Amino acid sequence: MTMTTVVACPEPEERSQAEVDERESERGLATAEYAIATLGAAAFAGALMAILKGGDVKAMLTSLIQSALSTG
């Protein structure tokens, strides 16, 4: 006995040339958006590192951690 599997494939949608052109023009947008978000995150991390390396912030964080560890 032979079994046959039939898969129903929908017909491709008919799109106008304007719709196809619009989709093609937006093809790289997602990649560009990810690149901009990555650059923004890197810039934010750099600014945060510069702030945290400052003497005042470092002393404040050190005293905060020491007080948290000594209270027990």
Protein backbone atom coordinates (compact mmCIF):
# COMPACT_ATOMS: atom_id res chain seq x y z
CA MET A 1 0.00 0.00 0.00
CA THR A 2 1.44 3.35 -1.03
CA MET A 3 0.62 6.56 0.83
CA THR A 4 0.72 9.87 -0.92
CA THR A 5 0.99 13.17 0.90
CA VAL A 6 -0.58 16.15 -0.76
CA VAL A 7 0.40 19.63 0.34
CA ALA A 8 -1.84 22.49 -0.60
CA CYS A 9 0.23 25.46 -1.73
CA PRO A 10 -1.59 28.73 -2.07
CA GLU A 11 -1.21 30.60 -5.31
CA PRO A 12 1.20 33.53 -5.11
CA GLU A 13 -0.51 36.82 -4.53
CA GLU A 14 -0.75 39.06 -7.49
CA ARG A 15 0.84 42.38 -6.65
CA SER A 16 1.17 45.46 -8.74
CA GLN A 17 4.61 46.61 -9.83
CA ALA A 18 4.30 49.65 -7.51
CA GLU A 19 3.79 47.35 -4.49
CA VAL A 20 6.77 45.22 -5.48
CA ASP A 21 8.96 48.32 -5.98
CA GLU A 22 7.89 49.70 -2.57
CA ARG A 23 8.81 46.46 -0.79
CA GLU A 24 12.16 46.31 -2.60
CA SER A 25 13.00 49.89 -1.61
CA GLU A 26 12.39 49.07 2.08
CA ARG A 27 14.41 45.86 2.08
CA GLY A 28 17.47 47.21 3.96
CA LEU A 29 15.59 49.36 6.46
CA ALA A 30 15.52 46.78 9.24
CA THR A 31 19.28 46.31 9.01
CA ALA A 32 19.85 50.07 9.09
CA GLU A 33 17.57 50.40 12.12
CA TYR A 34 19.51 47.69 13.97
CA ALA A 35 22.79 49.41 13.09
CA ILE A 36 21.56 52.76 14.42
CA ALA A 37 20.26 51.15 17.61
CA THR A 38 23.58 49.35 18.11
CA LEU A 39 25.53 52.57 17.65
CA GLY A 40 23.23 54.33 20.11
CA ALA A 41 23.71 51.59 22.68
CA ALA A 42 27.49 51.72 22.25
CA ALA A 43 27.49 55.51 22.65
CA PHE A 44 25.36 55.23 25.79
CA ALA A 45 27.69 52.58 27.21
CA GLY A 46 30.69 54.79 26.48
CA ALA A 47 29.08 57.78 28.20
CA LEU A 48 28.14 55.61 31.18
CA MET A 49 31.69 54.29 31.46
CA ALA A 50 33.06 57.84 31.38
CA ILE A 51 30.68 58.87 34.16
CA LEU A 52 31.40 55.82 36.29
CA LYS A 53 35.17 56.25 35.98
CA GLY A 54 34.91 59.75 37.50
CA GLY A 55 36.30 60.07 41.03
CA ASP A 56 33.11 61.37 42.66
CA VAL A 57 30.89 58.61 41.32
CA LYS A 58 33.46 55.95 42.10
CA ALA A 59 33.77 57.15 45.72
CA MET A 60 29.99 57.29 46.11
CA LEU A 61 29.52 53.76 44.75
CA THR A 62 32.36 52.43 46.90
CA SER A 63 30.88 53.92 50.07
CA LEU A 64 27.43 52.63 49.13
CA ILE A 65 28.73 49.08 48.63
CA GLN A 66 30.79 49.20 51.83
CA SER A 67 27.81 50.39 53.87
CA ALA A 68 25.59 47.72 52.32
CA LEU A 69 28.10 44.98 53.12
CA SER A 70 28.80 46.17 56.65
CA THR A 71 25.11 46.34 57.61
CA GLY A 72 24.22 42.81 58.24
